[in-house]
PDB file of N, CA and C in Angstrom:
ATOM      1  N   MET A   1     160.336 294.371 123.801  1.00  0.00           N
ATOM      2  CA  MET A   1     161.908 294.761 123.616  1.00  0.00           C
ATOM      3  C   MET A   1     162.371 293.496 125.276  1.00  0.00           C
ATOM      4  N   THR A   2     162.955 292.884 125.290  1.00  0.00           N
ATOM      5  CA  THR A   2     163.554 291.631 125.798  1.00  0.00           C
ATOM      6  C   THR A   2     164.372 291.986 127.351  1.00  0.00           C
ATOM      7  N   SER A   3     163.751 292.574 128.844  1.00  0.00           N
ATOM      8  CA  SER A   3     164.708 292.461 128.987  1.00  0.00           C
ATOM      9  C   SER A   3     165.773 292.200 130.286  1.00  0.00           C
ATOM     10  N   PHE A   4     166.685 292.282 130.708  1.00  0.00           N
ATOM     11  CA  PHE A   4     167.114 291.337 131.462  1.00  0.00           C
ATOM     12  C   PHE A   4     167.071 291.395 132.593  1.00  0.00           C
ATOM     13  N   GLY A   5     167.285 292.897 132.837  1.00  0.00           N
ATOM     14  CA  GLY A   5     167.392 293.528 134.801  1.00  0.00           C
ATOM     15  C   GLY A   5     164.874 293.693 134.620  1.00  0.00           C
ATOM     16  N   ASN A   6     164.456 293.823 135.216  1.00  0.00           N
ATOM     17  CA  ASN A   6     163.641 294.436 135.518  1.00  0.00           C
ATOM     18  C   ASN A   6     163.056 295.931 135.962  1.00  0.00           C
ATOM     19  N   PRO A   7     162.894 296.279 135.220  1.00  0.00           N
ATOM     20  CA  PRO A   7     162.795 298.084 134.325  1.00  0.00           C
ATOM     21  C   PRO A   7     162.413 298.920 136.402  1.00  0.00           C
ATOM     22  N   TRP A   8     161.251 297.814 136.847  1.00  0.00           N
ATOM     23  CA  TRP A   8     160.873 298.830 137.892  1.00  0.00           C
ATOM     24  C   TRP A   8     161.910 298.263 139.563  1.00  0.00           C
ATOM     25  N   ASP A   9     162.803 297.609 139.486  1.00  0.00           N
ATOM     26  CA  ASP A   9     164.205 296.147 139.701  1.00  0.00           C
ATOM     27  C   ASP A   9     164.455 298.180 140.330  1.00  0.00           C
ATOM     28  N   MET A  10     165.188 297.492 141.736  1.00  0.00           N
ATOM     29  CA  MET A  10     166.564 297.949 142.086  1.00  0.00           C
ATOM     30  C   MET A  10     167.093 297.013 142.897  1.00  0.00           C
ATOM     31  N   PRO A  11     167.978 297.707 143.363  1.00  0.00           N
ATOM     32  CA  PRO A  11     168.991 296.537 144.518  1.00  0.00           C
ATOM     33  C   PRO A  11     167.956 296.544 145.854  1.00  0.00           C
ATOM     34  N   LYS A  12     168.386 295.118 146.493  1.00  0.00           N
ATOM     35  CA  LYS A  12     167.676 295.111 147.903  1.00  0.00           C
ATOM     36  C   LYS A  12     168.511 294.800 148.599  1.00  0.00           C
ATOM     37  N   LEU A  13     167.726 294.851 150.461  1.00  0.00           N
ATOM     38  CA  LEU A  13     168.910 294.404 151.370  1.00  0.00           C
ATOM     39  C   LEU A  13     169.877 295.067 151.797  1.00  0.00           C
ATOM     40  N   GLY A  14     170.990 293.638 152.018  1.00  0.00           N
ATOM     41  CA  GLY A  14     172.458 294.789 152.471  1.00  0.00           C
ATOM     42  C   GLY A  14     173.266 295.499 150.980  1.00  0.00           C
ATOM     43  N   LEU A  15     173.183 295.230 149.640  1.00  0.00           N
ATOM     44  CA  LEU A  15     173.249 295.958 148.328  1.00  0.00           C
ATOM     45  C   LEU A  15     172.559 297.466 148.148  1.00  0.00           C
ATOM     46  N   LEU A  16     171.361 297.305 148.964  1.00  0.00           N
ATOM     47  CA  LEU A  16     170.653 298.641 148.917  1.00  0.00           C
ATOM     48  C   LEU A  16     170.735 299.704 149.395  1.00  0.00           C
ATOM     49  N   GLN A  17     171.019 298.778 150.640  1.00  0.00           N
ATOM     50  CA  GLN A  17     172.306 298.870 152.112  1.00  0.00           C
ATOM     51  C   GLN A  17     173.639 299.813 152.130  1.00  0.00           C
ATOM     52  N   GLN A  18     174.084 299.570 151.581  1.00  0.00           N
ATOM     53  CA  GLN A  18     175.334 299.852 151.110  1.00  0.00           C
ATOM     54  C   GLN A  18     175.631 300.909 149.942  1.00  0.00           C
ATOM     55  N   ILE A  19     174.738 300.887 149.306  1.00  0.00           N
ATOM     56  CA  ILE A  19     174.117 302.154 148.341  1.00  0.00           C
ATOM     57  C   ILE A  19     174.000 302.766 149.050  1.00  0.00           C
ATOM     58  N   GLU A  20     172.822 303.146 149.857  1.00  0.00           N
ATOM     59  CA  GLU A  20     172.233 304.180 150.253  1.00  0.00           C
ATOM     60  C   GLU A  20     173.544 304.934 151.092  1.00  0.00           C
ATOM     61  N   LYS A  21     174.284 303.870 151.927  1.00  0.00           N
ATOM     62  CA  LYS A  21     175.472 304.450 153.140  1.00  0.00           C
ATOM     63  C   LYS A  21     176.349 305.587 152.075  1.00  0.00           C
ATOM     64  N   GLY A  22     176.813 304.509 150.690  1.00  0.00           N
ATOM     65  CA  GLY A  22     177.882 305.415 150.476  1.00  0.00           C
ATOM     66  C   GLY A  22     177.510 306.592 149.043  1.00  0.00           C
ATOM     67  N   PHE A  23     175.998 306.548 148.934  1.00  0.00           N
ATOM     68  CA  PHE A  23     175.574 307.355 147.725  1.00  0.00           C
ATOM     69  C   PHE A  23     175.200 308.626 148.522  1.00  0.00           C
ATOM     70  N   GLY A  24     173.539 307.874 149.580  1.00  0.00           N
ATOM     71  CA  GLY A  24     172.768 308.387 150.436  1.00  0.00           C
ATOM     72  C   GLY A  24     171.011 308.036 150.085  1.00  0.00           C
ATOM     73  N   SER A  25     171.783 307.521 148.775  1.00  0.00           N
ATOM     74  CA  SER A  25     169.514 306.954 148.130  1.00  0.00           C
ATOM     75  C   SER A  25     170.623 306.656 146.985  1.00  0.00           C
ATOM     76  N   PHE A  26     169.787 306.022 146.490  1.00  0.00           N
ATOM     77  CA  PHE A  26     169.772 304.434 145.590  1.00  0.00           C
ATOM     78  C   PHE A  26     169.629 306.116 143.715  1.00  0.00           C
ATOM     79  N   THR A  27     168.971 307.300 144.534  1.00  0.00           N
ATOM     80  CA  THR A  27     168.601 308.343 143.348  1.00  0.00           C
ATOM     81  C   THR A  27     169.696 308.833 143.256  1.00  0.00           C
ATOM     82  N   ASN A  28     170.127 309.525 144.438  1.00  0.00           N
ATOM     83  CA  ASN A  28     172.085 309.776 143.347  1.00  0.00           C
ATOM     84  C   ASN A  28     172.199 308.932 143.323  1.00  0.00           C
ATOM     85  N   PHE A  29     173.023 307.260 143.523  1.00  0.00           N
ATOM     86  CA  PHE A  29     173.669 306.187 142.943  1.00  0.00           C
ATOM     87  C   PHE A  29     173.285 306.488 141.355  1.00  0.00           C
ATOM     88  N   LYS A  30     172.430 306.193 141.155  1.00  0.00           N
ATOM     89  CA  LYS A  30     172.399 306.550 139.775  1.00  0.00           C
ATOM     90  C   LYS A  30     172.200 307.857 139.284  1.00  0.00           C
ATOM     91  N   GLU A  31     171.881 308.702 139.725  1.00  0.00           N
ATOM     92  CA  GLU A  31     172.326 309.681 138.945  1.00  0.00           C
ATOM     93  C   GLU A  31     173.828 310.192 138.558  1.00  0.00           C
ATOM     94  N   LYS A  32     175.204 309.244 139.779  1.00  0.00           N
ATOM     95  CA  LYS A  32     176.136 309.867 139.829  1.00  0.00           C
ATOM     96  C   LYS A  32     176.904 309.090 138.018  1.00  0.00           C
ATOM     97  N   PHE A  33     176.424 307.630 138.445  1.00  0.00           N
ATOM     98  CA  PHE A  33     176.733 307.138 137.545  1.00  0.00           C
ATOM     99  C   PHE A  33     176.416 307.275 135.933  1.00  0.00           C
ATOM    100  N   LEU A  34     175.772 307.862 135.440  1.00  0.00           N
ATOM    101  CA  LEU A  34     175.181 307.994 134.618  1.00  0.00           C
ATOM    102  C   LEU A  34     175.783 309.172 133.651  1.00  0.00           C
ATOM    103  N   GLU A  35     175.936 309.769 135.102  1.00  0.00           N
ATOM    104  CA  GLU A  35     177.008 311.293 134.794  1.00  0.00           C
ATOM    105  C   GLU A  35     178.176 310.831 134.540  1.00  0.00           C
ATOM    106  N   ALA A  36     178.704 309.608 135.457  1.00  0.00           N
ATOM    107  CA  ALA A  36     180.115 309.104 135.075  1.00  0.00           C
ATOM    108  C   ALA A  36     179.830 308.879 133.322  1.00  0.00           C
ATOM    109  N   ALA A  37     178.828 308.498 132.943  1.00  0.00           N
ATOM    110  CA  ALA A  37     178.710 308.140 131.814  1.00  0.00           C
ATOM    111  C   ALA A  37     178.685 308.656 130.683  1.00  0.00           C
ATOM    112  N   LEU A  38     178.104 309.714 130.779  1.00  0.00           N
ATOM    113  CA  LEU A  38     177.688 310.354 129.998  1.00  0.00           C
ATOM    114  C   LEU A  38     179.057 311.409 129.805  1.00  0.00           C
ATOM    115  N   THR A  39     179.899 311.229 130.534  1.00  0.00           N
ATOM    116  CA  THR A  39     181.088 312.629 131.145  1.00  0.00           C
ATOM    117  C   THR A  39     182.370 311.695 130.369  1.00  0.00           C
ATOM    118  N   LEU A  40     182.311 310.129 129.754  1.00  0.00           N
ATOM    119  CA  LEU A  40     183.500 309.758 128.970  1.00  0.00           C
ATOM    120  C   LEU A  40     183.727 309.470 127.658  1.00  0.00           C
ATOM    121  N   PHE A  41     185.069 310.615 127.481  1.00  0.00           N
ATOM    122  CA  PHE A  41     185.254 310.836 126.231  1.00  0.00           C
ATOM    123  C   PHE A  41     185.322 309.072 126.164  1.00  0.00           C
ATOM    124  N   GLY A  42     184.837 309.469 124.723  1.00  0.00           N
ATOM    125  CA  GLY A  42     186.110 307.885 123.838  1.00  0.00           C
ATOM    126  C   GLY A  42     185.225 306.658 124.590  1.00  0.00           C
ATOM    127  N   SER A  43     186.010 305.853 123.952  1.00  0.00           N
ATOM    128  CA  SER A  43     185.928 304.981 125.044  1.00  0.00           C
ATOM    129  C   SER A  43     186.709 304.933 126.207  1.00  0.00           C
ATOM    130  N   GLY A  44     185.268 303.252 127.232  1.00  0.00           N
ATOM    131  CA  GLY A  44     185.646 303.062 127.968  1.00  0.00           C
ATOM    132  C   GLY A  44     184.481 302.560 128.632  1.00  0.00           C
ATOM    133  N   TRP A  45     184.553 302.152 130.716  1.00  0.00           N
ATOM    134  CA  TRP A  45     183.843 302.081 131.500  1.00  0.00           C
ATOM    135  C   TRP A  45     183.338 302.708 132.393  1.00  0.00           C
ATOM    136  N   VAL A  46     181.270 302.599 132.595  1.00  0.00           N
ATOM    137  CA  VAL A  46     181.440 303.019 134.227  1.00  0.00           C
ATOM    138  C   VAL A  46     181.612 301.262 135.278  1.00  0.00           C
ATOM    139  N   TRP A  47     181.971 301.446 136.600  1.00  0.00           N
ATOM    140  CA  TRP A  47     182.034 300.773 137.091  1.00  0.00           C
ATOM    141  C   TRP A  47     180.998 301.708 138.701  1.00  0.00           C
ATOM    142  N   LEU A  48     179.795 300.290 138.987  1.00  0.00           N
ATOM    143  CA  LEU A  48     180.224 300.953 140.877  1.00  0.00           C
ATOM    144  C   LEU A  48     181.177 299.002 141.175  1.00  0.00           C
ATOM    145  N   PHE A  49     181.598 300.038 142.389  1.00  0.00           N
ATOM    146  CA  PHE A  49     183.120 298.710 142.908  1.00  0.00           C
ATOM    147  C   PHE A  49     182.869 298.671 144.060  1.00  0.00           C
ATOM    148  N   LEU A  50     183.341 297.846 144.977  1.00  0.00           N
ATOM    149  CA  LEU A  50     183.406 297.815 146.051  1.00  0.00           C
ATOM    150  C   LEU A  50     185.347 298.018 146.155  1.00  0.00           C
ATOM    151  N   LYS A  51     185.026 299.421 147.014  1.00  0.00           N
ATOM    152  CA  LYS A  51     186.894 299.990 147.322  1.00  0.00           C
ATOM    153  C   LYS A  51     186.936 299.385 148.622  1.00  0.00           C
ATOM    154  N   ARG A  52     188.505 298.225 148.319  1.00  0.00           N
ATOM    155  CA  ARG A  52     189.085 297.430 149.177  1.00  0.00           C
ATOM    156  C   ARG A  52     189.111 298.026 150.678  1.00  0.00           C
ATOM    157  N   ASN A  53     189.676 298.463 150.651  1.00  0.00           N
ATOM    158  CA  ASN A  53     191.178 299.393 151.783  1.00  0.00           C
ATOM    159  C   ASN A  53     189.761 299.966 152.412  1.00  0.00           C
ATOM    160  N   GLU A  54     189.547 300.836 151.556  1.00  0.00           N
ATOM    161  CA  GLU A  54     188.740 301.809 152.323  1.00  0.00           C
ATOM    162  C   GLU A  54     186.498 301.686 152.636  1.00  0.00           C
ATOM    163  N   LYS A  55     186.407 299.766 152.183  1.00  0.00           N
ATOM    164  CA  LYS A  55     185.043 299.333 152.603  1.00  0.00           C
ATOM    165  C   LYS A  55     183.884 299.889 152.126  1.00  0.00           C
ATOM    166  N   CYS A  56     184.092 300.337 151.062  1.00  0.00           N
ATOM    167  CA  CYS A  56     183.009 301.391 150.613  1.00  0.00           C
ATOM    168  C   CYS A  56     182.166 301.420 149.107  1.00  0.00           C
ATOM    169  N   LEU A  57     181.570 301.036 148.811  1.00  0.00           N
ATOM    170  CA  LEU A  57     180.799 301.666 147.322  1.00  0.00           C
ATOM    171  C   LEU A  57     181.562 302.907 146.577  1.00  0.00           C
ATOM    172  N   ALA A  58     181.219 302.986 145.151  1.00  0.00           N
ATOM    173  CA  ALA A  58     182.388 304.046 144.666  1.00  0.00           C
ATOM    174  C   ALA A  58     182.167 303.827 143.349  1.00  0.00           C
ATOM    175  N   VAL A  59     181.736 304.819 142.404  1.00  0.00           N
ATOM    176  CA  VAL A  59     181.438 304.639 141.364  1.00  0.00           C
ATOM    177  C   VAL A  59     182.278 305.447 140.493  1.00  0.00           C
ATOM    178  N   VAL A  60     183.095 304.760 139.576  1.00  0.00           N
ATOM    179  CA  VAL A  60     183.986 305.481 138.475  1.00  0.00           C
ATOM    180  C   VAL A  60     184.357 304.783 137.530  1.00  0.00           C
ATOM    181  N   LYS A  61     185.119 305.659 136.436  1.00  0.00           N
ATOM    182  CA  LYS A  61     184.424 305.621 134.618  1.00  0.00           C
ATOM    183  C   LYS A  61     186.206 305.558 134.546  1.00  0.00           C
ATOM    184  N   THR A  62     186.518 304.551 133.209  1.00  0.00           N
ATOM    185  CA  THR A  62     187.864 303.968 133.187  1.00  0.00           C
ATOM    186  C   THR A  62     188.120 304.473 131.496  1.00  0.00           C
ATOM    187  N   SER A  63     189.318 304.745 130.916  1.00  0.00           N
ATOM    188  CA  SER A  63     189.391 304.692 129.367  1.00  0.00           C
ATOM    189  C   SER A  63     189.573 303.620 128.632  1.00  0.00           C
ATOM    190  N   ASN A  64     189.647 303.654 127.933  1.00  0.00           N
ATOM    191  CA  ASN A  64     189.694 302.325 127.364  1.00  0.00           C
ATOM    192  C   ASN A  64     189.906 301.012 127.630  1.00  0.00           C
ATOM    193  N   ALA A  65     191.094 300.016 127.873  1.00  0.00           N
ATOM    194  CA  ALA A  65     190.709 298.759 128.240  1.00  0.00           C
ATOM    195  C   ALA A  65     190.902 298.941 129.530  1.00  0.00           C
ATOM    196  N   ILE A  66     191.197 300.194 130.110  1.00  0.00           N
ATOM    197  CA  ILE A  66     191.854 299.678 131.639  1.00  0.00           C
ATOM    198  C   ILE A  66     190.294 299.330 132.758  1.00  0.00           C
ATOM    199  N   ASN A  67     190.856 298.066 133.669  1.00  0.00           N
ATOM    200  CA  ASN A  67     189.736 297.182 134.417  1.00  0.00           C
ATOM    201  C   ASN A  67     190.583 297.544 135.591  1.00  0.00           C
ATOM    202  N   LEU A  68     189.878 297.965 136.295  1.00  0.00           N
ATOM    203  CA  LEU A  68     189.739 298.265 137.661  1.00  0.00           C
ATOM    204  C   LEU A  68     190.260 297.483 138.519  1.00  0.00           C
ATOM    205  N   ILE A  69     190.446 295.998 138.005  1.00  0.00           N
ATOM    206  CA  ILE A  69     190.305 294.650 138.778  1.00  0.00           C
ATOM    207  C   ILE A  69     192.556 294.689 139.137  1.00  0.00           C
ATOM    208  N   VAL A  70     192.759 296.034 138.086  1.00  0.00           N
ATOM    209  CA  VAL A  70     194.098 295.979 138.490  1.00  0.00           C
ATOM    210  C   VAL A  70     194.363 296.707 139.778  1.00  0.00           C
ATOM    211  N   TRP A  71     193.957 297.578 140.290  1.00  0.00           N
ATOM    212  CA  TRP A  71     194.180 298.166 141.357  1.00  0.00           C
ATOM    213  C   TRP A  71     193.191 297.521 142.003  1.00  0.00           C
ATOM    214  N   ASP A  72     193.746 296.642 142.446  1.00  0.00           N
ATOM    215  CA  ASP A  72     192.712 295.392 142.755  1.00  0.00           C
ATOM    216  C   ASP A  72     191.458 295.857 143.916  1.00  0.00           C
ATOM    217  N   GLU A  73     191.141 296.510 143.230  1.00  0.00           N
ATOM    218  CA  GLU A  73     188.763 296.885 143.783  1.00  0.00           C
ATOM    219  C   GLU A  73     188.275 295.792 142.961  1.00  0.00           C
ATOM    220  N   ILE A  74     186.955 295.908 143.703  1.00  0.00           N
ATOM    221  CA  ILE A  74     185.893 294.523 142.846  1.00  0.00           C
ATOM    222  C   ILE A  74     184.724 294.734 142.593  1.00  0.00           C
ATOM    223  N   PRO A  75     184.765 294.582 141.560  1.00  0.00           N
ATOM    224  CA  PRO A  75     183.575 295.708 140.537  1.00  0.00           C
ATOM    225  C   PRO A  75     181.974 294.906 141.185  1.00  0.00           C
ATOM    226  N   ILE A  76     180.851 295.608 140.822  1.00  0.00           N
ATOM    227  CA  ILE A  76     179.838 295.383 141.601  1.00  0.00           C
ATOM    228  C   ILE A  76     178.696 295.159 140.294  1.00  0.00           C
ATOM    229  N   ILE A  77     178.888 296.256 139.330  1.00  0.00           N
ATOM    230  CA  ILE A  77     178.482 296.392 138.079  1.00  0.00           C
ATOM    231  C   ILE A  77     179.325 297.232 136.654  1.00  0.00           C
ATOM    232  N   ASN A  78     179.177 296.707 135.649  1.00  0.00           N
ATOM    233  CA  ASN A  78     180.033 297.483 135.051  1.00  0.00           C
ATOM    234  C   ASN A  78     179.267 298.311 133.477  1.00  0.00           C
ATOM    235  N   LEU A  79     179.383 299.336 133.290  1.00  0.00           N
ATOM    236  CA  LEU A  79     178.983 299.551 131.613  1.00  0.00           C
ATOM    237  C   LEU A  79     179.517 299.738 130.545  1.00  0.00           C
ATOM    238  N   ASP A  80     179.740 298.924 129.921  1.00  0.00           N
ATOM    239  CA  ASP A  80     180.410 299.236 128.331  1.00  0.00           C
ATOM    240  C   ASP A  80     180.405 300.125 127.796  1.00  0.00           C
ATOM    241  N   MET A  81     181.183 301.954 127.387  1.00  0.00           N
ATOM    242  CA  MET A  81     181.145 302.870 126.861  1.00  0.00           C
ATOM    243  C   MET A  81     182.131 303.234 125.509  1.00  0.00           C
ATOM    244  N   TRP A  82     181.096 302.739 124.433  1.00  0.00           N
ATOM    245  CA  TRP A  82     181.633 302.575 123.039  1.00  0.00           C
ATOM    246  C   TRP A  82     182.022 304.476 121.949  1.00  0.00           C
ATOM    247  N   GLU A  83     182.939 304.657 121.557  1.00  0.00           N
ATOM    248  CA  GLU A  83     183.661 306.234 121.253  1.00  0.00           C
ATOM    249  C   GLU A  83     183.113 306.862 120.040  1.00  0.00           C
ATOM    250  N   HIS A  84     181.880 305.761 119.441  1.00  0.00           N
ATOM    251  CA  HIS A  84     181.261 305.767 118.412  1.00  0.00           C
ATOM    252  C   HIS A  84     179.983 306.274 117.900  1.00  0.00           C
ATOM    253  N   ALA A  85     179.472 307.266 119.131  1.00  0.00           N
ATOM    254  CA  ALA A  85     177.817 306.688 119.458  1.00  0.00           C
ATOM    255  C   ALA A  85     177.447 308.127 120.408  1.00  0.00           C
ATOM    256  N   TYR A  86     178.117 309.299 120.626  1.00  0.00           N
ATOM    257  CA  TYR A  86     177.699 309.567 121.631  1.00  0.00           C
ATOM    258  C   TYR A  86     176.337 310.303 121.688  1.00  0.00           C
ATOM    259  N   TYR A  87     175.833 310.734 120.539  1.00  0.00           N
ATOM    260  CA  TYR A  87     173.939 310.609 120.212  1.00  0.00           C
ATOM    261  C   TYR A  87     173.526 310.151 121.069  1.00  0.00           C
ATOM    262  N   LEU A  88     173.710 308.972 121.530  1.00  0.00           N
ATOM    263  CA  LEU A  88     173.139 307.436 121.971  1.00  0.00           C
ATOM    264  C   LEU A  88     173.801 307.695 123.314  1.00  0.00           C
ATOM    265  N   ASP A  89     174.895 307.928 124.155  1.00  0.00           N
ATOM    266  CA  ASP A  89     175.246 307.363 124.953  1.00  0.00           C
ATOM    267  C   ASP A  89     173.895 307.867 125.791  1.00  0.00           C
ATOM    268  N   TYR A  90     173.185 308.894 125.849  1.00  0.00           N
ATOM    269  CA  TYR A  90     172.122 309.376 127.263  1.00  0.00           C
ATOM    270  C   TYR A  90     171.373 307.997 126.769  1.00  0.00           C
ATOM    271  N   LYS A  91     170.550 307.250 126.031  1.00  0.00           N
ATOM    272  CA  LYS A  91     169.447 306.833 125.902  1.00  0.00           C
ATOM    273  C   LYS A  91     170.122 305.319 126.664  1.00  0.00           C
ATOM    274  N   TYR A  92     170.992 304.627 126.119  1.00  0.00           N
ATOM    275  CA  TYR A  92     171.957 304.014 125.776  1.00  0.00           C
ATOM    276  C   TYR A  92     172.360 303.439 127.790  1.00  0.00           C
ATOM    277  N   ALA A  93     172.957 304.102 128.095  1.00  0.00           N
ATOM    278  CA  ALA A  93     172.979 304.397 129.483  1.00  0.00           C
ATOM    279  C   ALA A  93     171.897 304.518 130.464  1.00  0.00           C
ATOM    280  N   ASN A  94     171.059 304.724 130.515  1.00  0.00           N
ATOM    281  CA  ASN A  94     169.625 305.064 131.056  1.00  0.00           C
ATOM    282  C   ASN A  94     169.149 303.744 130.531  1.00  0.00           C
ATOM    283  N   ALA A  95     168.945 302.772 129.636  1.00  0.00           N
ATOM    284  CA  ALA A  95     168.440 301.636 129.113  1.00  0.00           C
ATOM    285  C   ALA A  95     169.530 301.118 129.738  1.00  0.00           C
ATOM    286  N   PHE A  96     170.798 300.849 129.980  1.00  0.00           N
ATOM    287  CA  PHE A  96     171.171 299.651 131.116  1.00  0.00           C
ATOM    288  C   PHE A  96     171.217 299.951 132.043  1.00  0.00           C
ATOM    289  N   MET A  97     170.835 301.110 132.462  1.00  0.00           N
ATOM    290  CA  MET A  97     171.046 300.967 133.976  1.00  0.00           C
ATOM    291  C   MET A  97     169.048 300.358 134.488  1.00  0.00           C
ATOM    292  N   ASN A  98     168.327 300.865 133.847  1.00  0.00           N
ATOM    293  CA  ASN A  98     166.417 301.356 134.229  1.00  0.00           C
ATOM    294  C   ASN A  98     166.400 299.521 133.557  1.00  0.00           C
ATOM    295  N   HIS A  99     167.365 298.823 132.268  1.00  0.00           N
ATOM    296  CA  HIS A  99     166.940 297.338 132.019  1.00  0.00           C
ATOM    297  C   HIS A  99     167.535 296.107 132.085  1.00  0.00           C
ATOM    298  N   LEU A 100     168.434 296.613 131.866  1.00  0.00           N
ATOM    299  CA  LEU A 100     169.646 295.473 132.193  1.00  0.00           C
ATOM    300  C   LEU A 100     169.944 294.887 133.464  1.00  0.00           C
ATOM    301  N   VAL A 101     169.920 296.009 134.092  1.00  0.00           N
ATOM    302  CA  VAL A 101     170.702 295.438 135.209  1.00  0.00           C
ATOM    303  C   VAL A 101     170.552 294.159 135.756  1.00  0.00           C
ATOM    304  N   SER A 102     171.107 293.348 136.097  1.00  0.00           N
ATOM    305  CA  SER A 102     170.899 291.757 137.200  1.00  0.00           C
ATOM    306  C   SER A 102     171.145 292.640 138.470  1.00  0.00           C
ATOM    307  N   TRP A 103     170.267 293.657 139.166  1.00  0.00           N
ATOM    308  CA  TRP A 103     170.339 293.654 140.250  1.00  0.00           C
ATOM    309  C   TRP A 103     170.643 292.113 141.463  1.00  0.00           C
ATOM    310  N   ASN A 104     170.072 291.211 140.705  1.00  0.00           N
ATOM    311  CA  ASN A 104     170.648 289.560 141.449  1.00  0.00           C
ATOM    312  C   ASN A 104     171.598 289.494 141.201  1.00  0.00           C
ATOM    313  N   ALA A 105     172.289 289.645 140.160  1.00  0.00           N
ATOM    314  CA  ALA A 105     173.834 289.266 139.941  1.00  0.00           C
ATOM    315  C   ALA A 105     175.148 290.133 140.654  1.00  0.00           C
ATOM    316  N   ALA A 106     174.591 291.854 141.004  1.00  0.00           N
ATOM    317  CA  ALA A 106     175.085 293.031 141.680  1.00  0.00           C
ATOM    318  C   ALA A 106     175.298 292.371 143.103  1.00  0.00           C
ATOM    319  N   THR A 107     174.015 291.528 143.617  1.00  0.00           N
ATOM    320  CA  THR A 107     174.219 291.015 144.583  1.00  0.00           C
ATOM    321  C   THR A 107     174.327 290.012 145.594  1.00  0.00           C
ATOM    322  N   ALA A 108     174.081 289.495 144.294  1.00  0.00           N
ATOM    323  CA  ALA A 108     175.780 288.454 144.392  1.00  0.00           C
ATOM    324  C   ALA A 108     177.270 288.681 144.087  1.00  0.00           C
ATOM    325  N   ARG A 109     177.707 289.704 143.350  1.00  0.00           N
ATOM    326  CA  ARG A 109     178.492 289.709 143.534  1.00  0.00           C
ATOM    327  C   ARG A 109     179.006 289.937 145.224  1.00  0.00           C
ATOM    328  N   MET A 110     178.312 291.485 145.481  1.00  0.00           N
ATOM    329  CA  MET A 110     178.544 291.944 145.882  1.00  0.00           C
ATOM    330  C   MET A 110     178.986 291.398 147.783  1.00  0.00           C
ATOM    331  N   ALA A 111     177.742 289.877 147.807  1.00  0.00           N
ATOM    332  CA  ALA A 111     177.813 289.090 149.100  1.00  0.00           C
ATOM    333  C   ALA A 111     179.349 288.219 148.619  1.00  0.00           C
ATOM    334  N   LYS A 112     179.988 287.988 147.470  1.00  0.00           N
ATOM    335  CA  LYS A 112     181.607 287.682 147.274  1.00  0.00           C
ATOM    336  C   LYS A 112     182.307 288.295 147.991  1.00  0.00           C
ATOM    337  N   ALA A 113     182.443 289.471 147.889  1.00  0.00           N
ATOM    338  CA  ALA A 113     182.569 290.694 148.340  1.00  0.00           C
ATOM    339  C   ALA A 113     182.593 290.832 149.706  1.00  0.00           C
ATOM    340  N   GLU A 114     181.538 290.753 150.517  1.00  0.00           N
ATOM    341  CA  GLU A 114     181.570 291.220 151.680  1.00  0.00           C
ATOM    342  C   GLU A 114     182.808 289.878 152.086  1.00  0.00           C
ATOM    343  N   ALA A 115     182.581 288.583 151.628  1.00  0.00           N
ATOM    344  CA  ALA A 115     182.929 287.038 151.557  1.00  0.00           C
ATOM    345  C   ALA A 115     184.669 288.146 151.716  1.00  0.00           C
ATOM    346  N   SER A 116     185.374 288.550 150.926  1.00  0.00           N
ATOM    347  CA  SER A 116     186.940 288.457 151.179  1.00  0.00           C
ATOM    348  C   SER A 116     187.110 290.175 151.838  1.00  0.00           C
ATOM    349  N   VAL A 117     185.953 290.962 152.549  1.00  0.00           N
ATOM    350  CA  VAL A 117     186.117 292.848 152.846  1.00  0.00           C
ATOM    351  C   VAL A 117     185.639 292.178 153.850  1.00  0.00           C
ATOM    352  N   ASN A 118     185.493 293.057 155.185  1.00  0.00           N
ATOM    353  CA  ASN A 118     184.636 292.326 156.464  1.00  0.00           C
ATOM    354  C   ASN A 118     184.404 294.360 156.320  1.00  0.00           C
ATOM    355  N   LEU A 119     182.676 293.765 155.823  1.00  0.00           N
ATOM    356  CA  LEU A 119     182.213 295.405 155.755  1.00  0.00           C
ATOM    357  C   LEU A 119     181.719 295.907 156.777  1.00  0.00           C
ATOM    358  N   GLY A 120     181.007 294.489 158.335  1.00  0.00           N
ATOM    359  CA  GLY A 120     180.746 295.512 159.126  1.00  0.00           C
ATOM    360  C   GLY A 120     179.073 294.866 158.744  1.00  0.00           C
ATOM    361  N   GLU A 121     179.091 295.795 159.618  1.00  0.00           N
ATOM    362  CA  GLU A 121     176.841 296.023 158.951  1.00  0.00           C
ATOM    363  C   GLU A 121     176.912 296.991 158.173  1.00  0.00           C
ATOM    364  N   PRO A 122     175.815 296.668 156.802  1.00  0.00           N
ATOM    365  CA  PRO A 122     174.828 295.883 157.237  1.00  0.00           C
ATOM    366  C   PRO A 122     175.502 294.080 156.760  1.00  0.00           C
ATOM    367  N   LYS A 123     175.008 292.935 157.205  1.00  0.00           N
ATOM    368  CA  LYS A 123     174.962 291.928 156.679  1.00  0.00           C
ATOM    369  C   LYS A 123     174.599 291.870 155.282  1.00  0.00           C
ATOM    370  N   ILE A 124     175.461 291.232 154.103  1.00  0.00           N
ATOM    371  CA  ILE A 124     174.663 291.260 152.721  1.00  0.00           C
ATOM    372  C   ILE A 124     174.277 289.539 152.760  1.00  0.00           C
ATOM    373  N   PRO A 125     173.114 289.194 152.755  1.00  0.00           N
ATOM    374  CA  PRO A 125     172.806 287.339 152.654  1.00  0.00           C
ATOM    375  C   PRO A 125     172.873 287.074 151.681  1.00  0.00           C
ATOM    376  N   ILE A 126     173.306 285.729 151.146  1.00  0.00           N
ATOM    377  CA  ILE A 126     173.391 285.184 150.526  1.00  0.00           C
ATOM    378  C   ILE A 126     172.487 284.152 149.986  1.00  0.00           C
ATOM    379  N   ALA A 127     171.709 284.930 149.062  1.00  0.00           N
ATOM    380  CA  ALA A 127     170.336 283.927 148.293  1.00  0.00           C
ATOM    381  C   ALA A 127     170.656 282.479 148.102  1.00  0.00           C
TER     382      ALA A 127
END
């Protein structure tokens, strides 16, 4: 199986620090993200995003074609959940989190987000 992300990979540096700041740990973040995915009814999206005004990361699920950009939030990663494969949701969501997320791309998005929102410490280095 081709893996776009690294199965043992996780975010590093500033992105990891922001995840730990917002969720307590990377494990807590994964659990919250997967819970959102598995409780989404019908089609929709699960997002890790930067709340522009609160200056913190959060997870939210949106239905159908709703995109959190309309609320002026900054996406870091997102998962597209489809409505016709409920029995596959667990495998799909876990495969996404464990094999498909590019934490390098997410770190780059976080660095761009930091450029538009002053997060204060920790500083997120741009690779």
